[in-house]
Amino acid sequence: MVVIRLSRGGAKARPFFNIVVADKRTRRDGRFIERIGFYNPIAKSNEESIRIAQDRLSYWRGVGAQASPTVERLVAQAAAKTAAAPAAAA
């Protein structure tokens, strides 16, 4: 089974997560099929905290990949942020 999950990177006490498509049997930070985005939980206000390639996300979901609950939450958060950005610019 293919899953969409977070893979941790960064240093001690400074987490950084890649959003990856991986086989369920592989380790959390091990081999992955494709990197489709990132999440930086400690980003400053002027830095980008989350980026997800929506086209690749929809492709992998279309072929049966299951997203983890945390990735589902981050996708909803990114969608809300992108929807609010054009409204703020107007």
Foldseek 3Di string as FASTA:
>chain_A
DKAWEWAWDDDVVFIKTFTFIADPPDDSNDDTDDTFWIAGPPDDPPDDGIDGNVVVVVVVVVVPYYYDPVVVVVVVVVVVVVVVVVVVVD
